[in-house]
Amino acid sequence: EEELKSSYLDYAMSVIVGRALPDVRDGLKPVHRRVLYAMNVLGNDWNKAYKKSARVVGDVIGKYHPHGDYAVYDTIVRMAQPFSLRYMLVDGQGNFGSIDGDSA
């Protein structure tokens, strides 16, 4: 039983440090980094036409983040909201929620 507690605690701490806490160097979580990288590979530049969110989410899930699509959509929405992060990382087109908690 003690070994089980120790193993679970080690795993929980590795998840918290590795995924849940933003990196000190740039303030990004791994999912943020994966989304930004996928958008860069897709050619989402400031001076080009917008791409569909589903395209970005599909690439992120298929290549870099093999989890549910909700986490990726939520990450993109938060990066496009001027009130969620210090700096907007994504220029969103359309509905990206409100400060009152309305969903996007």
N, C-alpha and C. Protein backbone atom coordinates (compact mmCIF):
# COMPACT_ATOMS: atom_id res chain seq x y z
N GLU A 1 0.83 -1.19 0.00
CA GLU A 1 0.00 0.00 0.00
C GLU A 1 0.88 1.26 0.00
N GLU A 2 1.95 1.23 0.75
CA GLU A 2 2.86 2.39 0.79
C GLU A 2 3.51 2.62 -0.57
N GLU A 3 3.86 1.54 -1.24
CA GLU A 3 4.46 1.65 -2.59
C GLU A 3 3.46 2.26 -3.57
N LEU A 4 2.20 1.89 -3.46
CA LEU A 4 1.15 2.43 -4.32
C LEU A 4 0.98 3.93 -4.09
N LYS A 5 0.97 4.35 -2.83
CA LYS A 5 0.86 5.78 -2.52
C LYS A 5 2.04 6.56 -3.08
N SER A 6 3.22 6.01 -2.90
CA SER A 6 4.43 6.68 -3.38
C SER A 6 4.43 6.79 -4.91
N SER A 7 4.06 5.72 -5.57
CA SER A 7 4.03 5.73 -7.04
C SER A 7 2.99 6.71 -7.56
N TYR A 8 1.82 6.73 -6.95
CA TYR A 8 0.77 7.65 -7.39
C TYR A 8 1.19 9.09 -7.17
N LEU A 9 1.81 9.38 -6.04
CA LEU A 9 2.26 10.74 -5.76
C LEU A 9 3.32 11.18 -6.76
N ASP A 10 4.25 10.28 -7.09
CA ASP A 10 5.28 10.61 -8.09
C ASP A 10 4.64 10.91 -9.44
N TYR A 11 3.66 10.08 -9.84
CA TYR A 11 2.98 10.30 -11.12
C TYR A 11 2.21 11.62 -11.11
N ALA A 12 1.48 11.88 -10.03
CA ALA A 12 0.69 13.11 -9.94
C ALA A 12 1.58 14.34 -10.02
N MET A 13 2.70 14.32 -9.34
CA MET A 13 3.62 15.46 -9.38
C MET A 13 4.21 15.65 -10.77
N SER A 14 4.52 14.55 -11.45
CA SER A 14 5.07 14.68 -12.81
C SER A 14 4.04 15.26 -13.77
N VAL A 15 2.77 14.90 -13.60
CA VAL A 15 1.71 15.46 -14.44
C VAL A 15 1.54 16.95 -14.15
N ILE A 16 1.52 17.31 -12.88
CA ILE A 16 1.34 18.71 -12.52
C ILE A 16 2.49 19.56 -13.05
N VAL A 17 3.70 19.12 -12.83
CA VAL A 17 4.86 19.89 -13.27
C VAL A 17 5.00 19.87 -14.78
N GLY A 18 4.71 18.74 -15.41
CA GLY A 18 4.92 18.61 -16.85
C GLY A 18 3.82 19.18 -17.72
N ARG A 19 2.58 19.20 -17.24
CA ARG A 19 1.47 19.61 -18.09
C ARG A 19 0.65 20.77 -17.56
N ALA A 20 0.38 20.77 -16.27
CA ALA A 20 -0.59 21.72 -15.73
C ALA A 20 0.00 23.09 -15.41
N LEU A 21 1.27 23.15 -15.07
CA LEU A 21 1.88 24.43 -14.72
C LEU A 21 2.56 25.04 -15.94
N PRO A 22 2.38 26.32 -16.17
CA PRO A 22 3.08 26.97 -17.28
C PRO A 22 4.59 26.97 -17.06
N ASP A 23 5.33 26.92 -18.15
CA ASP A 23 6.79 26.93 -18.09
C ASP A 23 7.26 28.32 -17.66
N VAL A 24 8.28 28.36 -16.84
CA VAL A 24 8.80 29.63 -16.33
C VAL A 24 9.41 30.46 -17.46
N ARG A 25 10.00 29.81 -18.45
CA ARG A 25 10.71 30.53 -19.51
C ARG A 25 9.79 31.37 -20.38
N ASP A 26 8.63 30.82 -20.74
CA ASP A 26 7.75 31.56 -21.66
C ASP A 26 6.30 31.65 -21.18
N GLY A 27 5.95 31.00 -20.10
CA GLY A 27 4.60 31.08 -19.57
C GLY A 27 3.59 30.22 -20.30
N LEU A 28 4.05 29.33 -21.17
CA LEU A 28 3.14 28.49 -21.95
C LEU A 28 3.09 27.08 -21.39
N LYS A 29 1.91 26.48 -21.48
CA LYS A 29 1.75 25.07 -21.17
C LYS A 29 2.08 24.28 -22.43
N PRO A 30 2.32 22.98 -22.31
CA PRO A 30 2.62 22.19 -23.50
C PRO A 30 1.54 22.26 -24.58
N VAL A 31 0.26 22.30 -24.19
CA VAL A 31 -0.80 22.36 -25.19
C VAL A 31 -0.76 23.69 -25.94
N HIS A 32 -0.41 24.79 -25.25
CA HIS A 32 -0.27 26.07 -25.94
C HIS A 32 0.84 25.99 -26.99
N ARG A 33 1.96 25.41 -26.57
CA ARG A 33 3.11 25.29 -27.46
C ARG A 33 2.76 24.44 -28.69
N ARG A 34 2.02 23.35 -28.47
CA ARG A 34 1.65 22.48 -29.58
C ARG A 34 0.72 23.18 -30.56
N VAL A 35 -0.24 23.94 -30.03
CA VAL A 35 -1.17 24.66 -30.90
C VAL A 35 -0.43 25.71 -31.72
N LEU A 36 0.43 26.49 -31.08
CA LEU A 36 1.17 27.52 -31.81
C LEU A 36 2.09 26.91 -32.86
N TYR A 37 2.71 25.79 -32.54
CA TYR A 37 3.58 25.12 -33.52
C TYR A 37 2.77 24.62 -34.71
N ALA A 38 1.62 23.99 -34.43
CA ALA A 38 0.77 23.48 -35.51
C ALA A 38 0.27 24.63 -36.39
N MET A 39 -0.07 25.75 -35.79
CA MET A 39 -0.53 26.90 -36.57
C MET A 39 0.61 27.45 -37.43
N ASN A 40 1.81 27.42 -36.92
CA ASN A 40 2.97 27.86 -37.70
C ASN A 40 3.21 26.93 -38.88
N VAL A 41 3.13 25.64 -38.65
CA VAL A 41 3.32 24.67 -39.73
C VAL A 41 2.24 24.82 -40.79
N LEU A 42 1.01 25.12 -40.38
CA LEU A 42 -0.09 25.32 -41.32
C LEU A 42 0.05 26.62 -42.12
N GLY A 43 0.90 27.49 -41.67
CA GLY A 43 1.07 28.76 -42.37
C GLY A 43 0.11 29.83 -41.91
N ASN A 44 -0.36 29.74 -40.68
CA ASN A 44 -1.24 30.77 -40.11
C ASN A 44 -0.39 31.98 -39.74
N ASP A 45 -0.22 32.88 -40.66
CA ASP A 45 0.56 34.09 -40.42
C ASP A 45 -0.38 35.28 -40.31
N TRP A 46 0.11 36.36 -39.76
CA TRP A 46 -0.70 37.55 -39.55
C TRP A 46 -1.16 38.17 -40.86
N ASN A 47 -0.44 37.95 -41.93
CA ASN A 47 -0.76 38.60 -43.20
C ASN A 47 -1.44 37.66 -44.20
N LYS A 48 -1.93 36.52 -43.72
CA LYS A 48 -2.60 35.56 -44.60
C LYS A 48 -4.04 35.36 -44.15
N ALA A 49 -4.80 34.69 -44.97
CA ALA A 49 -6.22 34.45 -44.66
C ALA A 49 -6.37 33.53 -43.44
N TYR A 50 -7.50 33.67 -42.75
CA TYR A 50 -7.79 32.82 -41.60
C TYR A 50 -8.01 31.39 -42.05
N LYS A 51 -7.71 30.45 -41.15
CA LYS A 51 -7.99 29.03 -41.39
C LYS A 51 -9.05 28.59 -40.38
N LYS A 52 -9.78 27.56 -40.72
CA LYS A 52 -10.83 27.04 -39.84
C LYS A 52 -10.22 26.46 -38.56
N SER A 53 -10.92 26.64 -37.45
CA SER A 53 -10.46 26.08 -36.18
C SER A 53 -10.37 24.57 -36.24
N ALA A 54 -11.32 23.94 -36.94
CA ALA A 54 -11.32 22.49 -37.04
C ALA A 54 -10.06 21.97 -37.72
N ARG A 55 -9.54 22.72 -38.65
CA ARG A 55 -8.30 22.33 -39.33
C ARG A 55 -7.13 22.34 -38.36
N VAL A 56 -7.04 23.39 -37.57
CA VAL A 56 -5.96 23.50 -36.59
C VAL A 56 -6.11 22.41 -35.53
N VAL A 57 -7.32 22.24 -35.02
CA VAL A 57 -7.57 21.23 -33.98
C VAL A 57 -7.25 19.84 -34.51
N GLY A 58 -7.66 19.54 -35.73
CA GLY A 58 -7.37 18.23 -36.32
C GLY A 58 -5.89 17.96 -36.42
N ASP A 59 -5.13 18.95 -36.86
CA ASP A 59 -3.68 18.78 -36.95
C ASP A 59 -3.05 18.60 -35.58
N VAL A 60 -3.50 19.38 -34.61
CA VAL A 60 -2.92 19.28 -33.26
C VAL A 60 -3.21 17.90 -32.67
N ILE A 61 -4.46 17.45 -32.78
CA ILE A 61 -4.82 16.15 -32.22
C ILE A 61 -4.11 15.02 -32.97
N GLY A 62 -4.08 15.13 -34.29
CA GLY A 62 -3.50 14.06 -35.09
C GLY A 62 -1.99 13.94 -34.97
N LYS A 63 -1.31 15.05 -34.77
CA LYS A 63 0.15 15.01 -34.80
C LYS A 63 0.83 15.22 -33.45
N TYR A 64 0.24 16.03 -32.58
CA TYR A 64 1.00 16.46 -31.40
C TYR A 64 0.32 16.24 -30.06
N HIS A 65 -1.00 16.16 -30.02
CA HIS A 65 -1.72 16.14 -28.74
C HIS A 65 -2.85 15.11 -28.81
N PRO A 66 -2.54 13.83 -28.64
CA PRO A 66 -3.54 12.78 -28.85
C PRO A 66 -4.55 12.65 -27.72
N HIS A 67 -5.26 13.72 -27.45
CA HIS A 67 -6.31 13.71 -26.43
C HIS A 67 -7.58 14.26 -27.07
N GLY A 68 -8.56 14.57 -26.27
CA GLY A 68 -9.82 15.07 -26.79
C GLY A 68 -9.69 16.43 -27.45
N ASP A 69 -10.65 16.71 -28.34
CA ASP A 69 -10.60 17.97 -29.07
C ASP A 69 -11.01 19.16 -28.21
N TYR A 70 -11.76 18.92 -27.13
CA TYR A 70 -12.22 20.04 -26.30
C TYR A 70 -11.05 20.81 -25.70
N ALA A 71 -10.04 20.11 -25.24
CA ALA A 71 -8.88 20.78 -24.63
C ALA A 71 -8.19 21.69 -25.64
N VAL A 72 -8.12 21.25 -26.88
CA VAL A 72 -7.45 22.05 -27.90
C VAL A 72 -8.31 23.25 -28.29
N TYR A 73 -9.62 23.03 -28.49
CA TYR A 73 -10.52 24.16 -28.78
C TYR A 73 -10.47 25.19 -27.65
N ASP A 74 -10.54 24.72 -26.42
CA ASP A 74 -10.51 25.62 -25.27
C ASP A 74 -9.21 26.41 -25.23
N THR A 75 -8.12 25.77 -25.55
CA THR A 75 -6.82 26.45 -25.58
C THR A 75 -6.80 27.54 -26.64
N ILE A 76 -7.30 27.24 -27.82
CA ILE A 76 -7.32 28.24 -28.90
C ILE A 76 -8.20 29.43 -28.50
N VAL A 77 -9.36 29.14 -27.90
CA VAL A 77 -10.26 30.20 -27.48
C VAL A 77 -9.59 31.09 -26.44
N ARG A 78 -8.96 30.48 -25.44
CA ARG A 78 -8.30 31.28 -24.40
C ARG A 78 -7.15 32.12 -24.97
N MET A 79 -6.43 31.59 -25.95
CA MET A 79 -5.33 32.36 -26.54
C MET A 79 -5.83 33.51 -27.40
N ALA A 80 -7.10 33.47 -27.82
CA ALA A 80 -7.67 34.54 -28.65
C ALA A 80 -8.43 35.59 -27.83
N GLN A 81 -8.63 35.33 -26.56
CA GLN A 81 -9.36 36.28 -25.71
C GLN A 81 -8.40 37.30 -25.11
N PRO A 82 -8.69 38.59 -25.28
CA PRO A 82 -7.79 39.61 -24.74
C PRO A 82 -7.80 39.70 -23.21
N PHE A 83 -8.77 39.06 -22.56
CA PHE A 83 -8.88 39.13 -21.11
C PHE A 83 -8.40 37.87 -20.41
N SER A 84 -7.99 36.84 -21.16
CA SER A 84 -7.57 35.59 -20.54
C SER A 84 -6.07 35.54 -20.26
N LEU A 85 -5.30 36.01 -21.18
CA LEU A 85 -3.84 36.01 -21.04
C LEU A 85 -3.34 37.45 -21.09
N ARG A 86 -2.13 37.65 -20.69
CA ARG A 86 -1.57 39.00 -20.72
C ARG A 86 -1.52 39.53 -22.15
N TYR A 87 -1.10 38.68 -23.08
CA TYR A 87 -1.04 39.06 -24.49
C TYR A 87 -1.83 38.05 -25.31
N MET A 88 -2.61 38.54 -26.26
CA MET A 88 -3.33 37.64 -27.16
C MET A 88 -2.31 36.94 -28.05
N LEU A 89 -2.39 35.63 -28.11
CA LEU A 89 -1.46 34.87 -28.92
C LEU A 89 -2.05 34.46 -30.26
N VAL A 90 -3.38 34.51 -30.36
CA VAL A 90 -4.09 34.11 -31.57
C VAL A 90 -5.08 35.21 -31.92
N ASP A 91 -5.13 35.57 -33.18
CA ASP A 91 -6.11 36.55 -33.66
C ASP A 91 -7.33 35.77 -34.12
N GLY A 92 -8.34 35.71 -33.28
CA GLY A 92 -9.52 34.92 -33.60
C GLY A 92 -10.50 35.68 -34.47
N GLN A 93 -11.21 34.93 -35.29
CA GLN A 93 -12.26 35.51 -36.13
C GLN A 93 -13.57 34.86 -35.74
N GLY A 94 -14.54 35.65 -35.29
CA GLY A 94 -15.83 35.09 -34.90
C GLY A 94 -16.02 35.15 -33.40
N ASN A 95 -16.80 34.19 -32.86
CA ASN A 95 -17.17 34.18 -31.46
C ASN A 95 -16.09 33.48 -30.64
N PHE A 96 -15.50 34.20 -29.71
CA PHE A 96 -14.50 33.62 -28.82
C PHE A 96 -14.85 33.85 -27.36
N GLY A 97 -16.15 33.88 -27.04
CA GLY A 97 -16.61 33.99 -25.67
C GLY A 97 -16.51 35.41 -25.14
N SER A 98 -16.90 35.56 -23.87
CA SER A 98 -16.86 36.88 -23.24
C SER A 98 -16.26 36.75 -21.85
N ILE A 99 -15.98 37.88 -21.25
CA ILE A 99 -15.39 37.90 -19.92
C ILE A 99 -16.37 37.37 -18.87
N ASP A 100 -17.66 37.35 -19.18
CA ASP A 100 -18.68 36.86 -18.26
C ASP A 100 -18.77 35.35 -18.20
N GLY A 101 -17.98 34.66 -18.99
CA GLY A 101 -17.96 33.20 -18.95
C GLY A 101 -18.83 32.55 -20.00
N ASP A 102 -19.39 33.32 -20.93
CA ASP A 102 -20.17 32.73 -22.01
C ASP A 102 -19.24 31.86 -22.85
N SER A 103 -19.74 30.71 -23.25
CA SER A 103 -18.89 29.82 -24.04
C SER A 103 -18.74 30.33 -25.46
N ALA A 104 -17.68 29.88 -26.08
CA ALA A 104 -17.39 30.33 -27.45
C ALA A 104 -18.12 29.47 -28.46
